[in-house]
PDB file of N, CA and C in Angstrom:
ATOM      1  N   MET A   1     181.125 101.554-141.907  1.00  0.00           N
ATOM      2  CA  MET A   1     182.101 102.599-141.910  1.00  0.00           C
ATOM      3  C   MET A   1     182.178 103.182-143.299  1.00  0.00           C
ATOM      4  N   SER A   2     181.961 104.448-143.358  1.00  0.00           N
ATOM      5  CA  SER A   2     181.887 105.067-144.671  1.00  0.00           C
ATOM      6  C   SER A   2     183.204 105.698-145.101  1.00  0.00           C
ATOM      7  N   HIS A   3     184.175 105.765-144.208  1.00  0.00           N
ATOM      8  CA  HIS A   3     185.446 106.349-144.588  1.00  0.00           C
ATOM      9  C   HIS A   3     186.222 105.357-145.450  1.00  0.00           C
ATOM     10  N   ALA A   4     186.946 105.868-146.423  1.00  0.00           N
ATOM     11  CA  ALA A   4     187.603 105.018-147.423  1.00  0.00           C
ATOM     12  C   ALA A   4     188.601 104.052-146.798  1.00  0.00           C
ATOM     13  N   ASP A   5     189.326 104.477-145.764  1.00  0.00           N
ATOM     14  CA  ASP A   5     190.314 103.568-145.184  1.00  0.00           C
ATOM     15  C   ASP A   5     189.734 102.687-144.101  1.00  0.00           C
ATOM     16  N   GLY A   6     188.449 102.841-143.793  1.00  0.00           N
ATOM     17  CA  GLY A   6     187.795 101.979-142.831  1.00  0.00           C
ATOM     18  C   GLY A   6     188.180 102.252-141.397  1.00  0.00           C
ATOM     19  N   SER A   7     188.767 103.428-141.115  1.00  0.00           N
ATOM     20  CA  SER A   7     189.231 103.705-139.769  1.00  0.00           C
ATOM     21  C   SER A   7     188.124 104.140-138.827  1.00  0.00           C
ATOM     22  N   GLY A   8     186.999 104.632-139.340  1.00  0.00           N
ATOM     23  CA  GLY A   8     185.941 105.121-138.466  1.00  0.00           C
ATOM     24  C   GLY A   8     186.128 106.564-138.068  1.00  0.00           C
ATOM     25  N   PHE A   9     187.156 107.209-138.581  1.00  0.00           N
ATOM     26  CA  PHE A   9     187.441 108.591-138.247  1.00  0.00           C
ATOM     27  C   PHE A   9     187.477 109.438-139.501  1.00  0.00           C
ATOM     28  N   GLY A  10     187.120 110.680-139.384  1.00  0.00           N
ATOM     29  CA  GLY A  10     187.187 111.617-140.489  1.00  0.00           C
ATOM     30  C   GLY A  10     188.618 112.090-140.701  1.00  0.00           C
ATOM     31  N   PRO A  11     188.847 112.973-141.679  1.00  0.00           N
ATOM     32  CA  PRO A  11     190.208 113.423-141.973  1.00  0.00           C
ATOM     33  C   PRO A  11     190.853 114.184-140.821  1.00  0.00           C
ATOM     34  N   ASN A  12     190.054 114.838-139.970  1.00  0.00           N
ATOM     35  CA  ASN A  12     190.630 115.597-138.849  1.00  0.00           C
ATOM     36  C   ASN A  12     190.601 114.808-137.546  1.00  0.00           C
ATOM     37  N   GLY A  13     190.301 113.514-137.586  1.00  0.00           N
ATOM     38  CA  GLY A  13     190.358 112.675-136.402  1.00  0.00           C
ATOM     39  C   GLY A  13     189.038 112.543-135.670  1.00  0.00           C
ATOM     40  N   ASP A  14     187.991 113.232-136.117  1.00  0.00           N
ATOM     41  CA  ASP A  14     186.694 113.124-135.457  1.00  0.00           C
ATOM     42  C   ASP A  14     185.977 111.872-135.937  1.00  0.00           C
ATOM     43  N   ALA A  15     185.164 111.304-135.044  1.00  0.00           N
ATOM     44  CA  ALA A  15     184.359 110.146-135.422  1.00  0.00           C
ATOM     45  C   ALA A  15     183.240 110.608-136.343  1.00  0.00           C
ATOM     46  N   PHE A  16     182.857 109.767-137.280  1.00  0.00           N
ATOM     47  CA  PHE A  16     181.759 110.101-138.178  1.00  0.00           C
ATOM     48  C   PHE A  16     180.447 110.104-137.401  1.00  0.00           C
ATOM     49  N   PRO A  17     179.549 111.029-137.706  1.00  0.00           N
ATOM     50  CA  PRO A  17     178.265 111.058-137.006  1.00  0.00           C
ATOM     51  C   PRO A  17     177.476 109.779-137.272  1.00  0.00           C
ATOM     52  N   GLY A  18     176.885 109.236-136.223  1.00  0.00           N
ATOM     53  CA  GLY A  18     176.054 108.049-136.360  1.00  0.00           C
ATOM     54  C   GLY A  18     176.839 106.749-136.387  1.00  0.00           C
ATOM     55  N   GLU A  19     178.161 106.814-136.327  1.00  0.00           N
ATOM     56  CA  GLU A  19     178.971 105.601-136.316  1.00  0.00           C
ATOM     57  C   GLU A  19     179.759 105.547-135.022  1.00  0.00           C
ATOM     58  N   PRO A  20     179.860 104.365-134.417  1.00  0.00           N
ATOM     59  CA  PRO A  20     180.625 104.263-133.170  1.00  0.00           C
ATOM     60  C   PRO A  20     182.112 104.459-133.443  1.00  0.00           C
ATOM     61  N   ARG A  21     182.771 105.059-132.473  1.00  0.00           N
ATOM     62  CA  ARG A  21     184.207 105.282-132.592  1.00  0.00           C
ATOM     63  C   ARG A  21     184.946 103.972-132.350  1.00  0.00           C
ATOM     64  N   LEU A  22     185.957 103.719-133.141  1.00  0.00           N
ATOM     65  CA  LEU A  22     186.733 102.502-132.971  1.00  0.00           C
ATOM     66  C   LEU A  22     187.676 102.641-131.792  1.00  0.00           C
ATOM     67  N   THR A  23     187.781 101.602-131.002  1.00  0.00           N
ATOM     68  CA  THR A  23     188.702 101.555-129.875  1.00  0.00           C
ATOM     69  C   THR A  23     189.577 100.323-130.025  1.00  0.00           C
ATOM     70  N   ARG A  24     190.438 100.102-129.050  1.00  0.00           N
ATOM     71  CA  ARG A  24     191.271  98.905-129.075  1.00  0.00           C
ATOM     72  C   ARG A  24     190.432  97.634-128.969  1.00  0.00           C
ATOM     73  N   ASP A  25     189.274  97.740-128.315  1.00  0.00           N
ATOM     74  CA  ASP A  25     188.433  96.566-128.094  1.00  0.00           C
ATOM     75  C   ASP A  25     187.437  96.322-129.209  1.00  0.00           C
ATOM     76  N   THR A  26     187.379  97.196-130.205  1.00  0.00           N
ATOM     77  CA  THR A  26     186.438  97.012-131.301  1.00  0.00           C
ATOM     78  C   THR A  26     186.912  95.867-132.188  1.00  0.00           C
ATOM     79  N   ALA A  27     186.023  94.928-132.420  1.00  0.00           N
ATOM     80  CA  ALA A  27     186.370  93.786-133.269  1.00  0.00           C
ATOM     81  C   ALA A  27     186.354  94.228-134.725  1.00  0.00           C
ATOM     82  N   ILE A  28     187.452  93.987-135.439  1.00  0.00           N
ATOM     83  CA  ILE A  28     187.469  94.281-136.867  1.00  0.00           C
ATOM     84  C   ILE A  28     187.448  93.003-137.691  1.00  0.00           C
ATOM     85  N   ARG A  29     187.626  91.862-137.020  1.00  0.00           N
ATOM     86  CA  ARG A  29     187.553  90.559-137.683  1.00  0.00           C
ATOM     87  C   ARG A  29     186.815  89.591-136.778  1.00  0.00           C
ATOM     88  N   GLY A  30     186.073  88.712-137.404  1.00  0.00           N
ATOM     89  CA  GLY A  30     185.383  87.677-136.661  1.00  0.00           C
ATOM     90  C   GLY A  30     186.336  86.556-136.292  1.00  0.00           C
ATOM     91  N   PRO A  31     185.827  85.523-135.630  1.00  0.00           N
ATOM     92  CA  PRO A  31     186.687  84.404-135.252  1.00  0.00           C
ATOM     93  C   PRO A  31     187.215  83.659-136.478  1.00  0.00           C
ATOM     94  N   ALA A  32     188.419  83.178-136.357  1.00  0.00           N
ATOM     95  CA  ALA A  32     189.077  82.501-137.477  1.00  0.00           C
ATOM     96  C   ALA A  32     188.737  81.020-137.481  1.00  0.00           C
ATOM     97  N   ARG A  33     188.627  80.467-138.670  1.00  0.00           N
ATOM     98  CA  ARG A  33     188.517  79.024-138.850  1.00  0.00           C
ATOM     99  C   ARG A  33     189.921  78.525-139.183  1.00  0.00           C
ATOM    100  N   PRO A  34     190.382  77.464-138.555  1.00  0.00           N
ATOM    101  CA  PRO A  34     191.762  77.022-138.789  1.00  0.00           C
ATOM    102  C   PRO A  34     191.994  76.347-140.138  1.00  0.00           C
ATOM    103  N   ALA A  35     190.968  75.793-140.762  1.00  0.00           N
ATOM    104  CA  ALA A  35     191.159  75.005-141.987  1.00  0.00           C
ATOM    105  C   ALA A  35     191.857  75.776-143.117  1.00  0.00           C
ATOM    106  N   PRO A  36     191.468  77.019-143.445  1.00  0.00           N
ATOM    107  CA  PRO A  36     192.175  77.709-144.532  1.00  0.00           C
ATOM    108  C   PRO A  36     193.650  77.959-144.226  1.00  0.00           C
ATOM    109  N   TYR A  37     193.965  78.229-142.967  1.00  0.00           N
ATOM    110  CA  TYR A  37     195.361  78.492-142.611  1.00  0.00           C
ATOM    111  C   TYR A  37     196.187  77.202-142.632  1.00  0.00           C
ATOM    112  N   VAL A  38     195.593  76.107-142.202  1.00  0.00           N
ATOM    113  CA  VAL A  38     196.286  74.820-142.263  1.00  0.00           C
ATOM    114  C   VAL A  38     196.502  74.428-143.721  1.00  0.00           C
ATOM    115  N   GLY A  39     195.482  74.601-144.554  1.00  0.00           N
ATOM    116  CA  GLY A  39     195.616  74.299-145.982  1.00  0.00           C
ATOM    117  C   GLY A  39     196.690  75.132-146.647  1.00  0.00           C
ATOM    118  N   ALA A  40     196.734  76.426-146.316  1.00  0.00           N
ATOM    119  CA  ALA A  40     197.767  77.299-146.885  1.00  0.00           C
ATOM    120  C   ALA A  40     199.153  76.855-146.421  1.00  0.00           C
ATOM    121  N   GLY A  41     199.275  76.450-145.169  1.00  0.00           N
ATOM    122  CA  GLY A  41     200.556  75.977-144.667  1.00  0.00           C
ATOM    123  C   GLY A  41     201.023  74.711-145.356  1.00  0.00           C
ATOM    124  N   ILE A  42     200.088  73.809-145.644  1.00  0.00           N
ATOM    125  CA  ILE A  42     200.437  72.572-146.350  1.00  0.00           C
ATOM    126  C   ILE A  42     200.895  72.878-147.775  1.00  0.00           C
ATOM    127  N   LEU A  43     200.195  73.790-148.446  1.00  0.00           N
ATOM    128  CA  LEU A  43     200.589  74.156-149.810  1.00  0.00           C
ATOM    129  C   LEU A  43     201.987  74.782-149.832  1.00  0.00           C
ATOM    130  N   LEU A  44     202.244  75.684-148.887  1.00  0.00           N
ATOM    131  CA  LEU A  44     203.563  76.323-148.839  1.00  0.00           C
ATOM    132  C   LEU A  44     204.648  75.332-148.449  1.00  0.00           C
ATOM    133  N   ALA A  45     204.330  74.408-147.535  1.00  0.00           N
ATOM    134  CA  ALA A  45     205.314  73.398-147.144  1.00  0.00           C
ATOM    135  C   ALA A  45     205.682  72.502-148.327  1.00  0.00           C
ATOM    136  N   ALA A  46     204.684  72.142-149.135  1.00  0.00           N
ATOM    137  CA  ALA A  46     204.964  71.319-150.313  1.00  0.00           C
ATOM    138  C   ALA A  46     205.863  72.059-151.295  1.00  0.00           C
ATOM    139  N   ALA A  47     205.596  73.359-151.486  1.00  0.00           N
ATOM    140  CA  ALA A  47     206.402  74.146-152.423  1.00  0.00           C
ATOM    141  C   ALA A  47     207.841  74.295-151.943  1.00  0.00           C
ATOM    142  N   ILE A  48     208.064  74.197-150.647  1.00  0.00           N
ATOM    143  CA  ILE A  48     209.411  74.346-150.107  1.00  0.00           C
ATOM    144  C   ILE A  48     210.117  72.997-149.979  1.00  0.00           C
ATOM    145  N   LEU A  49     209.413  72.005-149.458  1.00  0.00           N
ATOM    146  CA  LEU A  49     210.073  70.746-149.108  1.00  0.00           C
ATOM    147  C   LEU A  49     210.381  69.827-150.290  1.00  0.00           C
ATOM    148  N   PHE A  50     209.474  69.715-151.245  1.00  0.00           N
ATOM    149  CA  PHE A  50     209.732  68.790-152.355  1.00  0.00           C
ATOM    150  C   PHE A  50     210.982  69.149-153.160  1.00  0.00           C
ATOM    151  N   PRO A  51     211.229  70.421-153.491  1.00  0.00           N
ATOM    152  CA  PRO A  51     212.488  70.724-154.191  1.00  0.00           C
ATOM    153  C   PRO A  51     213.733  70.526-153.321  1.00  0.00           C
ATOM    154  N   LEU A  52     213.545  70.456-152.002  1.00  0.00           N
ATOM    155  CA  LEU A  52     214.697  70.278-151.114  1.00  0.00           C
ATOM    156  C   LEU A  52     215.036  68.809-150.837  1.00  0.00           C
ATOM    157  N   MET A  53     214.336  67.892-151.480  1.00  0.00           N
ATOM    158  CA  MET A  53     214.603  66.458-151.280  1.00  0.00           C
ATOM    159  C   MET A  53     215.255  65.877-152.535  1.00  0.00           C
ATOM    160  N   PRO A  54     216.586  65.928-152.631  1.00  0.00           N
ATOM    161  CA  PRO A  54     217.264  65.481-153.851  1.00  0.00           C
ATOM    162  C   PRO A  54     217.123  63.994-154.135  1.00  0.00           C
ATOM    163  N   GLN A  55     216.802  63.189-153.125  1.00  0.00           N
ATOM    164  CA  GLN A  55     216.625  61.758-153.380  1.00  0.00           C
ATOM    165  C   GLN A  55     215.442  61.493-154.307  1.00  0.00           C
ATOM    166  N   LEU A  56     214.562  62.478-154.467  1.00  0.00           N
ATOM    167  CA  LEU A  56     213.426  62.330-155.379  1.00  0.00           C
ATOM    168  C   LEU A  56     213.808  62.583-156.837  1.00  0.00           C
ATOM    169  N   TYR A  57     214.874  63.351-157.056  1.00  0.00           N
ATOM    170  CA  TYR A  57     215.159  63.762-158.442  1.00  0.00           C
ATOM    171  C   TYR A  57     216.625  63.653-158.836  1.00  0.00           C
ATOM    172  N   SER A  58     217.438  62.938-158.118  1.00  0.00           N
ATOM    173  CA  SER A  58     218.855  62.840-158.478  1.00  0.00           C
ATOM    174  C   SER A  58     219.104  61.703-159.469  1.00  0.00           C
ATOM    175  N   PHE A  59     218.426  61.789-160.616  1.00  0.00           N
ATOM    176  CA  PHE A  59     218.548  60.779-161.667  1.00  0.00           C
ATOM    177  C   PHE A  59     218.859  61.465-162.989  1.00  0.00           C
ATOM    178  N   ASP A  60     219.518  60.723-163.849  1.00  0.00           N
ATOM    179  CA  ASP A  60     219.835  61.249-165.171  1.00  0.00           C
ATOM    180  C   ASP A  60     218.685  61.022-166.153  1.00  0.00           C
ATOM    181  N   ALA A  61     218.040  59.869-166.059  1.00  0.00           N
ATOM    182  CA  ALA A  61     216.942  59.540-166.977  1.00  0.00           C
ATOM    183  C   ALA A  61     215.616  59.707-166.248  1.00  0.00           C
ATOM    184  N   PRO A  62     214.579  60.030-166.872  1.00  0.00           N
ATOM    185  CA  PRO A  62     214.379  60.271-168.291  1.00  0.00           C
ATOM    186  C   PRO A  62     214.823  61.679-168.679  1.00  0.00           C
ATOM    187  N   ARG A  63     215.276  61.800-169.883  1.00  0.00           N
ATOM    188  CA  ARG A  63     215.701  63.100-170.401  1.00  0.00           C
ATOM    189  C   ARG A  63     214.551  63.737-171.158  1.00  0.00           C
ATOM    190  N   LEU A  64     214.493  65.044-171.085  1.00  0.00           N
ATOM    191  CA  LEU A  64     213.448  65.805-171.775  1.00  0.00           C
ATOM    192  C   LEU A  64     214.144  66.894-172.583  1.00  0.00           C
ATOM    193  N   GLY A  65     214.116  66.779-173.881  1.00  0.00           N
ATOM    194  CA  GLY A  65     214.783  67.751-174.745  1.00  0.00           C
ATOM    195  C   GLY A  65     216.279  67.786-174.527  1.00  0.00           C
ATOM    196  N   GLY A  66     216.882  66.663-174.138  1.00  0.00           N
ATOM    197  CA  GLY A  66     218.316  66.598-173.910  1.00  0.00           C
ATOM    198  C   GLY A  66     218.717  66.962-172.486  1.00  0.00           C
ATOM    199  N   LEU A  67     217.775  67.472-171.681  1.00  0.00           N
ATOM    200  CA  LEU A  67     218.076  67.829-170.291  1.00  0.00           C
ATOM    201  C   LEU A  67     217.897  66.622-169.388  1.00  0.00           C
ATOM    202  N   PRO A  68     218.839  66.381-168.492  1.00  0.00           N
ATOM    203  CA  PRO A  68     218.668  65.301-167.526  1.00  0.00           C
ATOM    204  C   PRO A  68     217.474  65.585-166.595  1.00  0.00           C
ATOM    205  N   PHE A  69     216.945  64.522-166.015  1.00  0.00           N
ATOM    206  CA  PHE A  69     215.758  64.638-165.165  1.00  0.00           C
ATOM    207  C   PHE A  69     215.942  65.642-164.029  1.00  0.00           C
ATOM    208  N   PHE A  70     217.120  65.629-163.386  1.00  0.00           N
ATOM    209  CA  PHE A  70     217.294  66.501-162.228  1.00  0.00           C
ATOM    210  C   PHE A  70     217.236  67.979-162.590  1.00  0.00           C
ATOM    211  N   TYR A  71     217.513  68.361-163.832  1.00  0.00           N
ATOM    212  CA  TYR A  71     217.378  69.761-164.237  1.00  0.00           C
ATOM    213  C   TYR A  71     215.915  70.127-164.507  1.00  0.00           C
ATOM    214  N   TRP A  72     215.258  69.324-165.340  1.00  0.00           N
ATOM    215  CA  TRP A  72     213.901  69.741-165.693  1.00  0.00           C
ATOM    216  C   TRP A  72     212.918  69.527-164.549  1.00  0.00           C
ATOM    217  N   TYR A  73     213.225  68.625-163.611  1.00  0.00           N
ATOM    218  CA  TYR A  73     212.379  68.473-162.425  1.00  0.00           C
ATOM    219  C   TYR A  73     212.413  69.755-161.581  1.00  0.00           C
ATOM    220  N   GLN A  74     213.601  70.294-161.373  1.00  0.00           N
ATOM    221  CA  GLN A  74     213.720  71.527-160.599  1.00  0.00           C
ATOM    222  C   GLN A  74     213.075  72.699-161.326  1.00  0.00           C
ATOM    223  N   LEU A  75     213.259  72.762-162.644  1.00  0.00           N
ATOM    224  CA  LEU A  75     212.626  73.835-163.412  1.00  0.00           C
ATOM    225  C   LEU A  75     211.103  73.707-163.400  1.00  0.00           C
ATOM    226  N   LEU A  76     210.604  72.496-163.334  1.00  0.00           N
ATOM    227  CA  LEU A  76     209.163  72.278-163.268  1.00  0.00           C
ATOM    228  C   LEU A  76     208.569  72.817-161.969  1.00  0.00           C
ATOM    229  N   TRP A  77     209.357  72.842-160.906  1.00  0.00           N
ATOM    230  CA  TRP A  77     208.863  73.340-159.628  1.00  0.00           C
ATOM    231  C   TRP A  77     208.707  74.861-159.585  1.00  0.00           C
ATOM    232  N   VAL A  78     209.277  75.580-160.508  1.00  0.00           N
ATOM    233  CA  VAL A  78     209.102  77.045-160.522  1.00  0.00           C
ATOM    234  C   VAL A  78     207.635  77.405-160.744  1.00  0.00           C
ATOM    235  N   PRO A  79     206.967  76.950-161.828  1.00  0.00           N
ATOM    236  CA  PRO A  79     205.550  77.291-161.960  1.00  0.00           C
ATOM    237  C   PRO A  79     204.662  76.588-160.937  1.00  0.00           C
ATOM    238  N   ILE A  80     205.046  75.359-160.531  1.00  0.00           N
ATOM    239  CA  ILE A  80     204.247  74.667-159.514  1.00  0.00           C
ATOM    240  C   ILE A  80     204.272  75.454-158.209  1.00  0.00           C
ATOM    241  N   SER A  81     205.443  75.944-157.811  1.00  0.00           N
ATOM    242  CA  SER A  81     205.544  76.737-156.582  1.00  0.00           C
ATOM    243  C   SER A  81     204.761  78.035-156.687  1.00  0.00           C
ATOM    244  N   ALA A  82     204.772  78.637-157.868  1.00  0.00           N
ATOM    245  CA  ALA A  82     203.981  79.860-158.049  1.00  0.00           C
ATOM    246  C   ALA A  82     202.490  79.569-157.888  1.00  0.00           C
ATOM    247  N   LEU A  83     202.015  78.464-158.446  1.00  0.00           N
ATOM    248  CA  LEU A  83     200.604  78.091-158.301  1.00  0.00           C
ATOM    249  C   LEU A  83     200.254  77.761-156.854  1.00  0.00           C
ATOM    250  N   LEU A  84     201.123  77.042-156.169  1.00  0.00           N
ATOM    251  CA  LEU A  84     200.860  76.702-154.773  1.00  0.00           C
ATOM    252  C   LEU A  84     200.861  77.940-153.884  1.00  0.00           C
ATOM    253  N   THR A  85     201.793  78.843-154.121  1.00  0.00           N
ATOM    254  CA  THR A  85     201.845  80.082-153.343  1.00  0.00           C
ATOM    255  C   THR A  85     200.626  80.950-153.616  1.00  0.00           C
ATOM    256  N   GLY A  86     200.219  81.062-154.869  1.00  0.00           N
ATOM    257  CA  GLY A  86     199.019  81.817-155.212  1.00  0.00           C
ATOM    258  C   GLY A  86     197.772  81.220-154.591  1.00  0.00           C
ATOM    259  N   SER A  87     197.681  79.905-154.564  1.00  0.00           N
ATOM    260  CA  SER A  87     196.534  79.243-153.938  1.00  0.00           C
ATOM    261  C   SER A  87     196.505  79.480-152.434  1.00  0.00           C
ATOM    262  N   ALA A  88     197.665  79.442-151.794  1.00  0.00           N
ATOM    263  CA  ALA A  88     197.734  79.714-150.358  1.00  0.00           C
ATOM    264  C   ALA A  88     197.313  81.151-150.065  1.00  0.00           C
ATOM    265  N   TYR A  89     197.762  82.081-150.885  1.00  0.00           N
ATOM    266  CA  TYR A  89     197.370  83.488-150.720  1.00  0.00           C
ATOM    267  C   TYR A  89     195.863  83.648-150.881  1.00  0.00           C
ATOM    268  N   TRP A  90     195.295  82.977-151.871  1.00  0.00           N
ATOM    269  CA  TRP A  90     193.857  83.057-152.109  1.00  0.00           C
ATOM    270  C   TRP A  90     193.077  82.511-150.914  1.00  0.00           C
ATOM    271  N   LEU A  91     193.519  81.389-150.349  1.00  0.00           N
ATOM    272  CA  LEU A  91     192.833  80.818-149.188  1.00  0.00           C
ATOM    273  C   LEU A  91     192.837  81.775-148.001  1.00  0.00           C
ATOM    274  N   VAL A  92     193.991  82.367-147.726  1.00  0.00           N
ATOM    275  CA  VAL A  92     194.109  83.241-146.560  1.00  0.00           C
ATOM    276  C   VAL A  92     193.330  84.540-146.766  1.00  0.00           C
ATOM    277  N   THR A  93     193.391  85.139-147.940  1.00  0.00           N
ATOM    278  CA  THR A  93     192.662  86.394-148.160  1.00  0.00           C
ATOM    279  C   THR A  93     191.161  86.161-148.197  1.00  0.00           C
ATOM    280  N   ARG A  94     190.720  85.009-148.709  1.00  0.00           N
ATOM    281  CA  ARG A  94     189.285  84.707-148.703  1.00  0.00           C
ATOM    282  C   ARG A  94     188.781  84.564-147.262  1.00  0.00           C
ATOM    283  N   GLU A  95     189.571  83.906-146.413  1.00  0.00           N
ATOM    284  CA  GLU A  95     189.189  83.768-145.001  1.00  0.00           C
ATOM    285  C   GLU A  95     189.175  85.127-144.306  1.00  0.00           C
ATOM    286  N   ASP A  96     190.150  85.980-144.617  1.00  0.00           N
ATOM    287  CA  ASP A  96     190.184  87.308-144.021  1.00  0.00           C
ATOM    288  C   ASP A  96     188.976  88.135-144.446  1.00  0.00           C
ATOM    289  N   ARG A  97     188.596  88.055-145.721  1.00  0.00           N
ATOM    290  CA  ARG A  97     187.387  88.766-146.188  1.00  0.00           C
ATOM    291  C   ARG A  97     186.142  88.244-145.489  1.00  0.00           C
ATOM    292  N   ARG A  98     186.062  86.933-145.280  1.00  0.00           N
ATOM    293  CA  ARG A  98     184.914  86.356-144.595  1.00  0.00           C
ATOM    294  C   ARG A  98     184.837  86.849-143.157  1.00  0.00           C
ATOM    295  N   ARG A  99     185.989  86.894-142.486  1.00  0.00           N
ATOM    296  CA  ARG A  99     186.016  87.356-141.094  1.00  0.00           C
ATOM    297  C   ARG A  99     185.621  88.828-140.982  1.00  0.00           C
ATOM    298  N   ARG A 100     186.087  89.663-141.900  1.00  0.00           N
ATOM    299  CA  ARG A 100     185.721  91.083-141.871  1.00  0.00           C
ATOM    300  C   ARG A 100     184.247  91.279-142.182  1.00  0.00           C
ATOM    301  N   ALA A 101     183.723  90.522-143.150  1.00  0.00           N
ATOM    302  CA  ALA A 101     182.307  90.638-143.503  1.00  0.00           C
ATOM    303  C   ALA A 101     181.421  90.193-142.349  1.00  0.00           C
ATOM    304  N   GLU A 102     181.857  89.204-141.597  1.00  0.00           N
ATOM    305  CA  GLU A 102     181.079  88.734-140.451  1.00  0.00           C
ATOM    306  C   GLU A 102     180.920  89.832-139.410  1.00  0.00           C
ATOM    307  N   VAL A 103     181.986  90.601-139.174  1.00  0.00           N
ATOM    308  CA  VAL A 103     181.902  91.695-138.200  1.00  0.00           C
ATOM    309  C   VAL A 103     181.030  92.817-138.744  1.00  0.00           C
ATOM    310  N   ARG A 104     181.181  93.145-140.032  1.00  0.00           N
ATOM    311  CA  ARG A 104     180.352  94.202-140.618  1.00  0.00           C
ATOM    312  C   ARG A 104     178.875  93.846-140.575  1.00  0.00           C
ATOM    313  N   ALA A 105     178.561  92.568-140.726  1.00  0.00           N
ATOM    314  CA  ALA A 105     177.171  92.134-140.734  1.00  0.00           C
ATOM    315  C   ALA A 105     176.638  91.924-139.325  1.00  0.00           C
ATOM    316  N   GLY A 106     177.449  92.182-138.313  1.00  0.00           N
ATOM    317  CA  GLY A 106     176.995  92.012-136.936  1.00  0.00           C
ATOM    318  C   GLY A 106     177.028  90.566-136.512  1.00  0.00           C
ATOM    319  N   GLY A 107     178.118  89.898-136.790  1.00  0.00           N
ATOM    320  CA  GLY A 107     178.266  88.486-136.471  1.00  0.00           C
ATOM    321  C   GLY A 107     178.314  88.243-134.978  1.00  0.00           C
ATOM    322  N   PRO A 108     178.729  87.060-134.583  1.00  0.00           N
ATOM    323  CA  PRO A 108     178.737  86.710-133.161  1.00  0.00           C
ATOM    324  C   PRO A 108     179.682  87.615-132.384  1.00  0.00           C
ATOM    325  N   PRO A 109     179.296  88.030-131.181  1.00  0.00           N
ATOM    326  CA  PRO A 109     180.163  88.907-130.384  1.00  0.00           C
ATOM    327  C   PRO A 109     181.390  88.155-129.893  1.00  0.00           C
ATOM    328  N   ARG A 110     182.472  88.902-129.739  1.00  0.00           N
ATOM    329  CA  ARG A 110     183.700  88.311-129.218  1.00  0.00           C
ATOM    330  C   ARG A 110     183.569  88.097-127.732  1.00  0.00           C
ATOM    331  N   ALA A 111     184.118  87.027-127.233  1.00  0.00           N
ATOM    332  CA  ALA A 111     184.098  86.767-125.791  1.00  0.00           C
ATOM    333  C   ALA A 111     185.020  87.744-125.082  1.00  0.00           C
ATOM    334  N   GLY A 112     184.511  88.369-124.031  1.00  0.00           N
ATOM    335  CA  GLY A 112     185.317  89.271-123.224  1.00  0.00           C
ATOM    336  C   GLY A 112     185.495  90.660-123.786  1.00  0.00           C
ATOM    337  N   ALA A 113     184.921  90.973-124.918  1.00  0.00           N
ATOM    338  CA  ALA A 113     185.075  92.308-125.503  1.00  0.00           C
ATOM    339  C   ALA A 113     183.882  93.162-125.118  1.00  0.00           C
ATOM    340  N   GLY A 114     184.158  94.393-124.809  1.00  0.00           N
ATOM    341  CA  GLY A 114     183.081  95.324-124.494  1.00  0.00           C
ATOM    342  C   GLY A 114     182.446  95.834-125.762  1.00  0.00           C
ATOM    343  N   SER A 115     181.470  96.692-125.607  1.00  0.00           N
ATOM    344  CA  SER A 115     180.829  97.258-126.792  1.00  0.00           C
ATOM    345  C   SER A 115     181.737  98.292-127.419  1.00  0.00           C
ATOM    346  N   ALA A 116     181.429  98.673-128.628  1.00  0.00           N
ATOM    347  CA  ALA A 116     182.251  99.656-129.330  1.00  0.00           C
ATOM    348  C   ALA A 116     182.113 101.030-128.685  1.00  0.00           C
ATOM    349  N   ASP A 117     181.023 101.278-127.976  1.00  0.00           N
ATOM    350  CA  ASP A 117     180.821 102.574-127.341  1.00  0.00           C
ATOM    351  C   ASP A 117     181.496 102.671-125.983  1.00  0.00           C
ATOM    352  N   ALA A 118     182.060 101.583-125.458  1.00  0.00           N
ATOM    353  CA  ALA A 118     182.623 101.589-124.116  1.00  0.00           C
ATOM    354  C   ALA A 118     183.833 102.504-124.005  1.00  0.00           C
ATOM    355  N   GLY A 119     184.591 102.696-125.061  1.00  0.00           N
ATOM    356  CA  GLY A 119     185.805 103.494-124.983  1.00  0.00           C
ATOM    357  C   GLY A 119     185.665 104.886-125.554  1.00  0.00           C
ATOM    358  N   LEU A 120     184.480 105.474-125.558  1.00  0.00           N
ATOM    359  CA  LEU A 120     184.298 106.779-126.157  1.00  0.00           C
ATOM    360  C   LEU A 120     185.027 107.881-125.411  1.00  0.00           C
ATOM    361  N   GLU A 121     185.337 107.697-124.160  1.00  0.00           N
ATOM    362  CA  GLU A 121     186.013 108.734-123.397  1.00  0.00           C
ATOM    363  C   GLU A 121     187.501 108.785-123.700  1.00  0.00           C
ATOM    364  N   GLY A 122     188.011 107.849-124.459  1.00  0.00           N
ATOM    365  CA  GLY A 122     189.418 107.877-124.847  1.00  0.00           C
ATOM    366  C   GLY A 122     190.335 107.324-123.791  1.00  0.00           C
ATOM    367  N   ASP A 123     189.797 106.597-122.793  1.00  0.00           N
ATOM    368  CA  ASP A 123     190.640 106.056-121.751  1.00  0.00           C
ATOM    369  C   ASP A 123     191.460 104.907-122.301  1.00  0.00           C
ATOM    370  N   ARG A 124     192.738 104.926-121.967  1.00  0.00           N
ATOM    371  CA  ARG A 124     193.641 103.879-122.442  1.00  0.00           C
ATOM    372  C   ARG A 124     194.277 103.206-121.240  1.00  0.00           C
ATOM    373  N   PRO A 125     194.459 101.912-121.312  1.00  0.00           N
ATOM    374  CA  PRO A 125     195.092 101.210-120.173  1.00  0.00           C
ATOM    375  C   PRO A 125     196.553 101.540-120.052  1.00  0.00           C
TER     376      PRO A 125
END
């Protein structure tokens, strides 16, 4: 697809010459692998659940710079949560790029999907 937004249509709504028109049945992503999404979910769950368990950090000692443990432990989770969230985002976007590249490269066909040329008449269910 040579159009900048990847829609398959020109500025006036016409399909580009030599390219199939996109329909509802046109695959824009390949099949998903569950591992990156499960990994991202685990990272996000850790960033949410560990700060919510006060039994892990409701102590006065050890002190760091005069701050009790329960203060600096919570403050430590701010950058840790940012790193975990960024890592989860990276996993999901990398998987999405892989799925899109698979379709562009002519990856495995989707089960039950017709060809991209099947809906050229504009028929909608």
